[in-house]
Amino acid sequence: MAGRKYSIAKMANILKVTVSDEGNYEAVELRSDVPKYQQYASMTPEQIVSTLTLKQKAAQMMQPAIYNISESDMEINDYGSILSTFGCIDSDEWVSVVDSFQQAAINNMFYN
């Protein structure tokens, strides 16, 4: 069984990631001038995961507690989710805090 191979080339504002799995090539083009969430909307989960670095995959599997991280932590690490426990913040503040974390994830650099 052949292993998965990656090829990454950067030209201007385009980062082209080519993923090879047992001889089947699937090219995924990611543009650094287009927000990642817009590009991910047209990709399969397999294509999205194939473009992530090991660090990004690990961050997606983490779930830090809402009272233990900041917006800048989210922007730097782009965590997959945050844990919000009952009573750590009130319901009115919760909406604002979650919105700010979601915006920080969207503002995350295209690649860390």
Protein backbone atom coordinates (compact mmCIF):
# COMPACT_ATOMS: atom_id res chain seq x y z
CA MET A 1 0.00 0.00 0.00
CA ALA A 2 1.50 3.30 -1.06
CA GLY A 3 1.69 6.16 1.42
CA ARG A 4 0.22 9.59 1.08
CA LYS A 5 2.51 12.20 -0.47
CA TYR A 6 2.27 15.96 -0.30
CA SER A 7 3.60 18.65 -2.58
CA ILE A 8 3.33 22.31 -1.66
CA ALA A 9 4.18 25.22 -3.97
CA LYS A 10 3.63 28.89 -3.26
CA MET A 11 3.29 31.39 -6.09
CA ALA A 12 2.11 34.96 -5.50
CA ASN A 13 -1.14 34.70 -3.54
CA ILE A 14 -1.81 31.05 -4.30
CA LEU A 15 -0.69 28.15 -2.18
CA LYS A 16 -1.20 24.97 -4.17
CA VAL A 17 -1.32 21.79 -2.16
CA THR A 18 -1.28 18.53 -4.10
CA VAL A 19 -2.17 15.36 -2.25
CA SER A 20 -1.37 11.94 -3.66
CA ASP A 21 -2.97 8.84 -2.22
CA GLU A 22 -1.95 5.55 -3.85
CA GLY A 23 -1.34 7.16 -7.21
CA ASN A 24 -4.60 9.12 -7.28
CA TYR A 25 -3.78 12.81 -7.44
CA GLU A 26 -6.11 15.45 -6.21
CA ALA A 27 -4.97 19.05 -6.46
CA VAL A 28 -6.33 21.53 -3.97
CA GLU A 29 -5.58 25.20 -4.51
CA LEU A 30 -5.75 27.49 -1.52
CA ARG A 31 -5.51 31.23 -1.99
CA SER A 32 -4.06 33.38 0.74
CA ASP A 33 -6.04 36.40 -0.48
CA VAL A 34 -9.42 34.68 0.05
CA PRO A 35 -10.69 33.87 3.57
CA LYS A 36 -10.18 30.20 4.37
CA TYR A 37 -13.78 29.65 5.50
CA GLN A 38 -14.99 30.69 2.03
CA GLN A 39 -12.63 28.25 0.36
CA TYR A 40 -13.44 25.43 2.80
CA ALA A 41 -17.16 25.76 1.96
CA SER A 42 -16.57 24.15 -1.44
CA MET A 43 -14.12 21.47 -0.24
CA THR A 44 -14.70 17.98 1.14
CA PRO A 45 -13.58 17.26 4.71
CA GLU A 46 -10.77 15.10 3.29
CA GLN A 47 -9.52 17.99 1.15
CA ILE A 48 -9.59 20.39 4.10
CA VAL A 49 -7.72 18.02 6.40
CA SER A 50 -5.16 17.27 3.69
CA THR A 51 -4.16 20.96 3.64
CA LEU A 52 -3.63 21.23 7.41
CA THR A 53 -0.24 20.96 9.05
CA LEU A 54 0.24 18.58 11.98
CA LYS A 55 0.11 21.56 14.36
CA GLN A 56 -3.21 22.69 12.86
CA LYS A 57 -4.67 19.18 13.10
CA ALA A 58 -3.67 18.96 16.77
CA ALA A 59 -5.21 22.40 17.49
CA GLN A 60 -8.47 21.31 15.84
CA MET A 61 -8.70 18.36 18.27
CA MET A 62 -8.14 20.52 21.37
CA GLN A 63 -10.95 22.06 23.40
CA PRO A 64 -9.61 24.65 25.84
CA ALA A 65 -11.95 26.04 28.49
CA ILE A 66 -13.50 29.42 27.73
CA TYR A 67 -12.21 30.86 31.01
CA ASN A 68 -8.65 29.69 30.31
CA ILE A 69 -7.92 31.17 26.85
CA SER A 70 -8.04 34.55 25.16
CA GLU A 71 -9.11 35.73 21.71
CA SER A 72 -5.44 36.02 20.74
CA ASP A 73 -4.93 32.34 21.73
CA MET A 74 -7.78 31.42 19.38
CA GLU A 75 -6.41 33.58 16.58
CA ILE A 76 -2.94 32.07 16.89
CA ASN A 77 -3.98 28.42 17.36
CA ASP A 78 -7.38 28.23 15.62
CA TYR A 79 -8.79 25.66 18.06
CA GLY A 80 -11.57 23.40 16.82
CA SER A 81 -13.89 24.33 19.68
CA ILE A 82 -14.00 25.85 23.14
CA LEU A 83 -15.47 24.37 26.31
CA SER A 84 -18.07 26.56 27.95
CA THR A 85 -19.17 25.26 31.34
CA PHE A 86 -22.30 26.31 33.22
CA GLY A 87 -21.75 29.31 35.45
CA CYS A 88 -18.35 30.44 34.15
CA ILE A 89 -19.97 33.46 32.45
CA ASP A 90 -23.55 34.73 32.30
CA SER A 91 -25.76 34.13 29.26
CA ASP A 92 -25.61 37.71 27.96
CA GLU A 93 -21.82 37.74 28.08
CA TRP A 94 -21.63 34.23 26.57
CA VAL A 95 -23.02 35.37 23.20
CA SER A 96 -20.50 38.19 22.98
CA VAL A 97 -17.56 35.99 24.05
CA VAL A 98 -18.42 33.19 21.61
CA ASP A 99 -18.84 35.69 18.76
CA SER A 100 -15.41 37.17 19.54
CA PHE A 101 -13.78 33.71 19.55
CA GLN A 102 -15.43 32.86 16.23
CA GLN A 103 -14.18 36.12 14.73
CA ALA A 104 -10.67 35.41 16.06
CA ALA A 105 -10.73 31.98 14.39
CA ILE A 106 -11.78 33.59 11.10
CA ASN A 107 -8.99 36.18 11.45
CA ASN A 108 -6.41 33.41 11.98
CA MET A 109 -3.46 33.59 9.63
CA PHE A 110 -3.98 31.27 6.66
CA TYR A 111 -1.07 29.12 7.77
CA ASN A 112 0.67 29.26 11.16
